[in-house]
Every structure is written in structure tokens, then in C-alpha cells.
Amino acid sequence: MDAAATYRRKAAQLREKAKGARDPVVHQELLSLAEQYETLAKRAESEAGGKT
């Protein structure tokens, strides 16, 4: 399982949901969660890069 790809897929899903959010607070929260998933993806990539 590629953790980074999984996190990026989740981030993309949240961004899509944010597009349809009518409430601006919900919209912003979904985008914030998407960014957190991107951070996790970057961390997973760096951890995978350090393993041989």
C-alpha cells in the first residue's frame, strides 16, 4: 500500500466535497482537512525515502 497516494486521494476527495459545500465554514474546514492529508502524504514520502 502506498500511504502517500492514499492520503492524496483522500485530499482530492475532500477538495471535491468542499466545492459543493454551501456553508463557508464547512468549505474552509474541508479544505483544511485536505491540506492536513497533503502534509501526511509528504511525511509518508519522506519516511519511505529514508527506508532501504
Protein backbone atom coordinates (compact mmCIF):
# COMPACT_ATOMS: atom_id res chain seq x y z
CA MET A 1 0.00 0.00 0.00
CA ASP A 2 1.30 3.43 -0.94
CA ALA A 3 0.38 5.62 2.00
CA ALA A 4 1.22 8.88 0.22
CA ALA A 5 -1.11 8.04 -2.67
CA THR A 6 -3.87 7.10 -0.25
CA TYR A 7 -3.54 10.41 1.59
CA ARG A 8 -3.52 12.36 -1.67
CA ARG A 9 -6.64 10.54 -2.85
CA LYS A 10 -8.39 11.47 0.40
CA ALA A 11 -7.26 15.09 -0.01
CA ALA A 12 -8.69 15.19 -3.52
CA GLN A 13 -12.00 13.77 -2.27
CA LEU A 14 -12.21 16.44 0.40
CA ARG A 15 -11.48 19.19 -2.12
CA GLU A 16 -14.31 17.89 -4.30
CA LYS A 17 -16.68 17.92 -1.33
CA ALA A 18 -15.57 21.45 -0.49
CA LYS A 19 -16.62 22.60 -3.96
CA GLY A 20 -20.19 21.60 -3.17
CA ALA A 21 -20.28 22.93 0.37
CA ARG A 22 -22.77 25.76 0.73
CA ASP A 23 -21.66 26.75 4.20
CA PRO A 24 -18.41 28.76 4.05
CA VAL A 25 -17.26 27.36 7.39
CA VAL A 26 -17.73 23.79 6.18
CA HIS A 27 -15.99 24.70 2.92
CA GLN A 28 -12.96 26.03 4.79
CA GLU A 29 -12.85 23.07 7.18
CA LEU A 30 -12.86 20.61 4.28
CA LEU A 31 -10.01 22.48 2.61
CA SER A 32 -8.11 22.50 5.88
CA LEU A 33 -8.54 18.75 6.22
CA ALA A 34 -7.34 18.30 2.64
CA GLU A 35 -4.17 20.24 3.49
CA GLN A 36 -3.61 18.04 6.52
CA TYR A 37 -3.83 14.98 4.28
CA GLU A 38 -1.28 16.56 1.94
CA THR A 39 1.04 17.06 4.91
CA LEU A 40 0.61 13.40 5.81
CA ALA A 41 1.38 12.42 2.22
CA LYS A 42 4.62 14.41 2.26
CA ARG A 43 5.60 12.86 5.58
CA ALA A 44 4.86 9.36 4.27
CA GLU A 45 7.00 10.05 1.21
CA SER A 46 9.93 11.26 3.26
CA GLU A 47 9.68 8.30 5.62
CA ALA A 48 9.50 5.87 2.69
CA GLY A 49 12.52 7.56 1.11
CA GLY A 50 14.58 7.00 4.22
CA LYS A 51 13.98 3.24 4.23
CA THR A 52 16.16 0.91 2.21
